[in-house]
Amino acid sequence: SFKVGDRVVHPAHGVGNVVMLDEKKFSGKKRLYYKVDAENCTVWVPVDDSDKLGLRPLTKKANLEHYKEILMGPPEALSEDHRSRQSEISKKLKDGSFKLVCEVVRDLNALSWQDDLNNTDSNYLRKGFDALCQEWAASSGESIAQATREINKILRKSREMYWVEPAVVD
């Protein structure tokens, strides 16, 4: 459970602050809700379903080194079938765990080394990258610009480690 003042992450709306607990009546049922002020919106999350809806604490600064290793780790192959791949990525982003967001960014970034991404994959990469940068910045106490530079540096290093240019056939 969260208390007023806690920094949290909502999978669809990003980093926010719990600003109050309030009883609300929606669909004829009274429930206790967290009021979360995220970057560009306010989200009401039922207290008793907050874990099912993906609300979680902000990643601790001390854990960023672990996530840096995930981003620099070997990319996992994604399904070649577009629908299967998009379903898998969508589930990971909807889950919203920082680990899964790191994996999505790492793996789609690696896929982009081979060829241009289609629009859906590009949108998923942008969404994941934005969420990653936002939370990284909030966790580290850096600006989003600083977090973005750091993550791009990590992804470039990963490419240097794992990308092998395809052989040219004459």
Foldseek 3Di string as FASTA:
>chain_A
DDDFQFWKQQLVQAIWTQHDWDWDADPNDTAIWTWTDGDPDTDTHGPVCCLVRQIGGQDALVCVVVLLCLLLDDADAADPPPVRRLVVLVVLSSNPDLNSLSNLLSNLLVVVVVDNDDPSSVVSNVSSLQNNLRSNCVNNVHDSVVSSVVSVVSSVNSCVVDPDDDDDDD
